[in-house]
Amino acid sequence: MCTHATPCPTAESPDGEAAIVVAAHPELGWSLLCNGLLVFDDTGALLPDGSIVAPHRPQLVLA
């Protein structure tokens, strides 16, 4: 889906969230990237095929 001169990473690649935002709805907590990835504020995502990517926030370690 990406038509940029330097293509963005695919939705399935590990760096897929580095793609350019084409639609943002921060009031609803999500953004659509040019590679078709739908990312949520809780760090979860939906791949273009409907597969779920679980939230991947860093874990807080208390010392």
PDB file of N, CA and C in Angstrom:
ATOM      1  N   MET A   1       0.801  -1.195   0.000  1.00  0.00           N
ATOM      2  CA  MET A   1       0.000   0.000   0.000  1.00  0.00           C
ATOM      3  C   MET A   1       0.847   1.264   0.000  1.00  0.00           C
ATOM      4  N   CYS A   2       2.039   1.203   0.528  1.00  0.00           N
ATOM      5  CA  CYS A   2       2.900   2.383   0.623  1.00  0.00           C
ATOM      6  C   CYS A   2       3.380   2.797  -0.760  1.00  0.00           C
ATOM      7  N   THR A   3       3.230   4.063  -1.067  1.00  0.00           N
ATOM      8  CA  THR A   3       3.666   4.578  -2.366  1.00  0.00           C
ATOM      9  C   THR A   3       4.769   5.617  -2.230  1.00  0.00           C
ATOM     10  N   HIS A   4       5.448   5.642  -1.101  1.00  0.00           N
ATOM     11  CA  HIS A   4       6.522   6.611  -0.885  1.00  0.00           C
ATOM     12  C   HIS A   4       7.758   6.227  -1.702  1.00  0.00           C
ATOM     13  N   ALA A   5       8.608   7.212  -1.979  1.00  0.00           N
ATOM     14  CA  ALA A   5       9.830   6.970  -2.756  1.00  0.00           C
ATOM     15  C   ALA A   5      10.692   5.905  -2.084  1.00  0.00           C
ATOM     16  N   THR A   6      10.860   6.019  -0.790  1.00  0.00           N
ATOM     17  CA  THR A   6      11.524   4.975  -0.013  1.00  0.00           C
ATOM     18  C   THR A   6      10.412   4.222   0.695  1.00  0.00           C
ATOM     19  N   PRO A   7      10.116   3.004   0.275  1.00  0.00           N
ATOM     20  CA  PRO A   7       8.970   2.282   0.850  1.00  0.00           C
ATOM     21  C   PRO A   7       9.087   2.099   2.358  1.00  0.00           C
ATOM     22  N   CYS A   8       7.958   2.195   3.019  1.00  0.00           N
ATOM     23  CA  CYS A   8       7.900   1.959   4.459  1.00  0.00           C
ATOM     24  C   CYS A   8       7.972   0.451   4.707  1.00  0.00           C
ATOM     25  N   PRO A   9       8.333   0.051   5.926  1.00  0.00           N
ATOM     26  CA  PRO A   9       8.371  -1.380   6.238  1.00  0.00           C
ATOM     27  C   PRO A   9       6.975  -1.983   6.135  1.00  0.00           C
ATOM     28  N   THR A  10       6.905  -3.258   5.822  1.00  0.00           N
ATOM     29  CA  THR A  10       5.613  -3.930   5.733  1.00  0.00           C
ATOM     30  C   THR A  10       4.995  -4.034   7.125  1.00  0.00           C
ATOM     31  N   ALA A  11       3.700  -4.252   7.154  1.00  0.00           N
ATOM     32  CA  ALA A  11       2.992  -4.365   8.429  1.00  0.00           C
ATOM     33  C   ALA A  11       3.491  -5.550   9.242  1.00  0.00           C
ATOM     34  N   GLU A  12       3.936  -6.610   8.566  1.00  0.00           N
ATOM     35  CA  GLU A  12       4.371  -7.822   9.258  1.00  0.00           C
ATOM     36  C   GLU A  12       5.821  -7.761   9.742  1.00  0.00           C
ATOM     37  N   SER A  13       6.593  -6.781   9.282  1.00  0.00           N
ATOM     38  CA  SER A  13       8.001  -6.711   9.679  1.00  0.00           C
ATOM     39  C   SER A  13       8.127  -6.204  11.117  1.00  0.00           C
ATOM     40  N   PRO A  14       9.234  -6.529  11.792  1.00  0.00           N
ATOM     41  CA  PRO A  14       9.417  -6.102  13.181  1.00  0.00           C
ATOM     42  C   PRO A  14       9.367  -4.582  13.370  1.00  0.00           C
ATOM     43  N   ASP A  15       9.748  -3.833  12.338  1.00  0.00           N
ATOM     44  CA  ASP A  15       9.713  -2.371  12.445  1.00  0.00           C
ATOM     45  C   ASP A  15       8.522  -1.767  11.699  1.00  0.00           C
ATOM     46  N   GLY A  16       7.447  -2.528  11.571  1.00  0.00           N
ATOM     47  CA  GLY A  16       6.264  -2.088  10.854  1.00  0.00           C
ATOM     48  C   GLY A  16       5.642  -0.810  11.387  1.00  0.00           C
ATOM     49  N   GLU A  17       5.818  -0.534  12.674  1.00  0.00           N
ATOM     50  CA  GLU A  17       5.257   0.678  13.277  1.00  0.00           C
ATOM     51  C   GLU A  17       6.014   1.940  12.876  1.00  0.00           C
ATOM     52  N   ALA A  18       7.089   1.803  12.111  1.00  0.00           N
ATOM     53  CA  ALA A  18       7.850   2.965  11.645  1.00  0.00           C
ATOM     54  C   ALA A  18       7.247   3.569  10.379  1.00  0.00           C
ATOM     55  N   ALA A  19       6.189   2.983   9.841  1.00  0.00           N
ATOM     56  CA  ALA A  19       5.546   3.499   8.629  1.00  0.00           C
ATOM     57  C   ALA A  19       4.869   4.836   8.922  1.00  0.00           C
ATOM     58  N   ILE A  20       4.537   5.545   7.877  1.00  0.00           N
ATOM     59  CA  ILE A  20       3.947   6.885   7.989  1.00  0.00           C
ATOM     60  C   ILE A  20       2.457   6.799   8.311  1.00  0.00           C
ATOM     61  N   VAL A  21       2.008   7.671   9.222  1.00  0.00           N
ATOM     62  CA  VAL A  21       0.602   7.741   9.607  1.00  0.00           C
ATOM     63  C   VAL A  21      -0.191   8.385   8.476  1.00  0.00           C
ATOM     64  N   VAL A  22      -1.275   7.722   8.045  1.00  0.00           N
ATOM     65  CA  VAL A  22      -2.135   8.288   7.002  1.00  0.00           C
ATOM     66  C   VAL A  22      -3.472   8.758   7.565  1.00  0.00           C
ATOM     67  N   ALA A  23      -3.858   8.259   8.721  1.00  0.00           N
ATOM     68  CA  ALA A  23      -5.076   8.712   9.403  1.00  0.00           C
ATOM     69  C   ALA A  23      -4.864   8.531  10.900  1.00  0.00           C
ATOM     70  N   ALA A  24      -5.106   9.601  11.647  1.00  0.00           N
ATOM     71  CA  ALA A  24      -4.921   9.537  13.097  1.00  0.00           C
ATOM     72  C   ALA A  24      -6.195   9.983  13.799  1.00  0.00           C
ATOM     73  N   HIS A  25      -6.568   9.243  14.799  1.00  0.00           N
ATOM     74  CA  HIS A  25      -7.719   9.578  15.631  1.00  0.00           C
ATOM     75  C   HIS A  25      -7.321   9.423  17.094  1.00  0.00           C
ATOM     76  N   PRO A  26      -6.516  10.371  17.589  1.00  0.00           N
ATOM     77  CA  PRO A  26      -6.045  10.252  18.974  1.00  0.00           C
ATOM     78  C   PRO A  26      -7.179  10.274  19.996  1.00  0.00           C
ATOM     79  N   GLU A  27      -8.296  10.907  19.649  1.00  0.00           N
ATOM     80  CA  GLU A  27      -9.435  10.914  20.568  1.00  0.00           C
ATOM     81  C   GLU A  27     -10.042   9.521  20.722  1.00  0.00           C
ATOM     82  N   LEU A  28      -9.812   8.660  19.746  1.00  0.00           N
ATOM     83  CA  LEU A  28     -10.279   7.282  19.811  1.00  0.00           C
ATOM     84  C   LEU A  28      -9.156   6.307  20.146  1.00  0.00           C
ATOM     85  N   GLY A  29      -7.909   6.790  20.109  1.00  0.00           N
ATOM     86  CA  GLY A  29      -6.776   5.970  20.519  1.00  0.00           C
ATOM     87  C   GLY A  29      -6.172   5.101  19.443  1.00  0.00           C
ATOM     88  N   TRP A  30      -6.327   5.460  18.147  1.00  0.00           N
ATOM     89  CA  TRP A  30      -5.736   4.640  17.095  1.00  0.00           C
ATOM     90  C   TRP A  30      -5.241   5.484  15.945  1.00  0.00           C
ATOM     91  N   SER A  31      -4.332   4.885  15.150  1.00  0.00           N
ATOM     92  CA  SER A  31      -3.800   5.499  13.934  1.00  0.00           C
ATOM     93  C   SER A  31      -3.640   4.420  12.871  1.00  0.00           C
ATOM     94  N   LEU A  32      -3.893   4.795  11.621  1.00  0.00           N
ATOM     95  CA  LEU A  32      -3.698   3.899  10.491  1.00  0.00           C
ATOM     96  C   LEU A  32      -2.405   4.284   9.796  1.00  0.00           C
ATOM     97  N   LEU A  33      -1.534   3.307   9.577  1.00  0.00           N
ATOM     98  CA  LEU A  33      -0.260   3.551   8.911  1.00  0.00           C
ATOM     99  C   LEU A  33      -0.375   3.206   7.435  1.00  0.00           C
ATOM    100  N   CYS A  34       0.534   3.726   6.619  1.00  0.00           N
ATOM    101  CA  CYS A  34       0.459   3.524   5.173  1.00  0.00           C
ATOM    102  C   CYS A  34       0.658   2.070   4.760  1.00  0.00           C
ATOM    103  N   ASN A  35       1.190   1.248   5.640  1.00  0.00           N
ATOM    104  CA  ASN A  35       1.359  -0.172   5.324  1.00  0.00           C
ATOM    105  C   ASN A  35       0.140  -0.999   5.724  1.00  0.00           C
ATOM    106  N   GLY A  36      -0.927  -0.335   6.174  1.00  0.00           N
ATOM    107  CA  GLY A  36      -2.155  -1.026   6.536  1.00  0.00           C
ATOM    108  C   GLY A  36      -2.251  -1.417   7.995  1.00  0.00           C
ATOM    109  N   LEU A  37      -1.217  -1.164   8.770  1.00  0.00           N
ATOM    110  CA  LEU A  37      -1.205  -1.507  10.184  1.00  0.00           C
ATOM    111  C   LEU A  37      -2.052  -0.491  10.955  1.00  0.00           C
ATOM    112  N   LEU A  38      -2.932  -0.979  11.813  1.00  0.00           N
ATOM    113  CA  LEU A  38      -3.747  -0.137  12.670  1.00  0.00           C
ATOM    114  C   LEU A  38      -3.150  -0.236  14.065  1.00  0.00           C
ATOM    115  N   VAL A  39      -2.584   0.863  14.552  1.00  0.00           N
ATOM    116  CA  VAL A  39      -1.910   0.838  15.851  1.00  0.00           C
ATOM    117  C   VAL A  39      -2.760   1.566  16.887  1.00  0.00           C
ATOM    118  N   PHE A  40      -2.715   1.047  18.104  1.00  0.00           N
ATOM    119  CA  PHE A  40      -3.501   1.594  19.198  1.00  0.00           C
ATOM    120  C   PHE A  40      -2.590   2.211  20.249  1.00  0.00           C
ATOM    121  N   ASP A  41      -3.164   3.135  21.040  1.00  0.00           N
ATOM    122  CA  ASP A  41      -2.391   3.823  22.076  1.00  0.00           C
ATOM    123  C   ASP A  41      -1.826   2.880  23.135  1.00  0.00           C
ATOM    124  N   ASP A  42      -2.442   1.716  23.324  1.00  0.00           N
ATOM    125  CA  ASP A  42      -1.937   0.779  24.324  1.00  0.00           C
ATOM    126  C   ASP A  42      -0.794  -0.075  23.782  1.00  0.00           C
ATOM    127  N   THR A  43      -0.295   0.244  22.597  1.00  0.00           N
ATOM    128  CA  THR A  43       0.804  -0.400  21.856  1.00  0.00           C
ATOM    129  C   THR A  43       0.391  -1.693  21.181  1.00  0.00           C
ATOM    130  N   GLY A  44      -0.881  -2.041  21.217  1.00  0.00           N
ATOM    131  CA  GLY A  44      -1.367  -3.179  20.446  1.00  0.00           C
ATOM    132  C   GLY A  44      -1.598  -2.745  19.004  1.00  0.00           C
ATOM    133  N   ALA A  45      -1.902  -3.696  18.127  1.00  0.00           N
ATOM    134  CA  ALA A  45      -2.117  -3.367  16.718  1.00  0.00           C
ATOM    135  C   ALA A  45      -2.948  -4.451  16.041  1.00  0.00           C
ATOM    136  N   LEU A  46      -3.496  -4.092  14.878  1.00  0.00           N
ATOM    137  CA  LEU A  46      -4.165  -5.039  14.004  1.00  0.00           C
ATOM    138  C   LEU A  46      -3.439  -5.038  12.675  1.00  0.00           C
ATOM    139  N   LEU A  47      -3.073  -6.225  12.199  1.00  0.00           N
ATOM    140  CA  LEU A  47      -2.450  -6.363  10.890  1.00  0.00           C
ATOM    141  C   LEU A  47      -3.526  -6.263   9.819  1.00  0.00           C
ATOM    142  N   PRO A  48      -3.153  -5.971   8.574  1.00  0.00           N
ATOM    143  CA  PRO A  48      -4.143  -5.857   7.502  1.00  0.00           C
ATOM    144  C   PRO A  48      -5.023  -7.094   7.328  1.00  0.00           C
ATOM    145  N   ASP A  49      -4.514  -8.275   7.690  1.00  0.00           N
ATOM    146  CA  ASP A  49      -5.314  -9.496   7.545  1.00  0.00           C
ATOM    147  C   ASP A  49      -6.228  -9.754   8.746  1.00  0.00           C
ATOM    148  N   GLY A  50      -6.235  -8.833   9.730  1.00  0.00           N
ATOM    149  CA  GLY A  50      -7.081  -8.967  10.910  1.00  0.00           C
ATOM    150  C   GLY A  50      -6.414  -9.625  12.087  1.00  0.00           C
ATOM    151  N   SER A  51      -5.169 -10.070  11.920  1.00  0.00           N
ATOM    152  CA  SER A  51      -4.427 -10.678  13.028  1.00  0.00           C
ATOM    153  C   SER A  51      -4.135  -9.634  14.096  1.00  0.00           C
ATOM    154  N   ILE A  52      -4.106 -10.094  15.331  1.00  0.00           N
ATOM    155  CA  ILE A  52      -3.870  -9.208  16.465  1.00  0.00           C
ATOM    156  C   ILE A  52      -2.401  -9.222  16.864  1.00  0.00           C
ATOM    157  N   VAL A  53      -1.873  -8.048  17.175  1.00  0.00           N
ATOM    158  CA  VAL A  53      -0.541  -7.909  17.779  1.00  0.00           C
ATOM    159  C   VAL A  53      -0.794  -7.441  19.204  1.00  0.00           C
ATOM    160  N   ALA A  54      -0.431  -8.252  20.159  1.00  0.00           N
ATOM    161  CA  ALA A  54      -0.673  -7.922  21.567  1.00  0.00           C
ATOM    162  C   ALA A  54       0.109  -6.678  21.977  1.00  0.00           C
ATOM    163  N   PRO A  55      -0.419  -5.905  22.937  1.00  0.00           N
ATOM    164  CA  PRO A  55       0.327  -4.748  23.439  1.00  0.00           C
ATOM    165  C   PRO A  55       1.718  -5.181  23.902  1.00  0.00           C
ATOM    166  N   HIS A  56       2.685  -4.334  23.646  1.00  0.00           N
ATOM    167  CA  HIS A  56       4.074  -4.678  23.988  1.00  0.00           C
ATOM    168  C   HIS A  56       4.765  -3.526  24.695  1.00  0.00           C
ATOM    169  N   ARG A  57       4.123  -3.090  25.771  1.00  0.00           N
ATOM    170  CA  ARG A  57       4.712  -2.030  26.585  1.00  0.00           C
ATOM    171  C   ARG A  57       5.885  -2.597  27.376  1.00  0.00           C
ATOM    172  N   PRO A  58       6.876  -1.753  27.630  1.00  0.00           N
ATOM    173  CA  PRO A  58       7.978  -2.231  28.495  1.00  0.00           C
ATOM    174  C   PRO A  58       7.452  -2.484  29.908  1.00  0.00           C
ATOM    175  N   GLN A  59       7.955  -3.512  30.545  1.00  0.00           N
ATOM    176  CA  GLN A  59       7.531  -3.853  31.895  1.00  0.00           C
ATOM    177  C   GLN A  59       8.243  -2.956  32.910  1.00  0.00           C
ATOM    178  N   LEU A  60       7.493  -2.452  33.866  1.00  0.00           N
ATOM    179  CA  LEU A  60       8.052  -1.647  34.931  1.00  0.00           C
ATOM    180  C   LEU A  60       8.715  -2.562  35.950  1.00  0.00           C
ATOM    181  N   VAL A  61       9.988  -2.313  36.219  1.00  0.00           N
ATOM    182  CA  VAL A  61      10.742  -3.122  37.173  1.00  0.00           C
ATOM    183  C   VAL A  61      10.984  -2.268  38.405  1.00  0.00           C
ATOM    184  N   LEU A  62      10.477  -2.725  39.519  1.00  0.00           N
ATOM    185  CA  LEU A  62      10.683  -2.008  40.782  1.00  0.00           C
ATOM    186  C   LEU A  62      11.891  -2.587  41.493  1.00  0.00           C
ATOM    187  N   ALA A  63      12.771  -1.698  41.910  1.00  0.00           N
ATOM    188  CA  ALA A  63      13.979  -2.159  42.587  1.00  0.00           C
ATOM    189  C   ALA A  63      13.826  -2.168  44.072  1.00  0.00           C
TER     190      ALA A  63
END
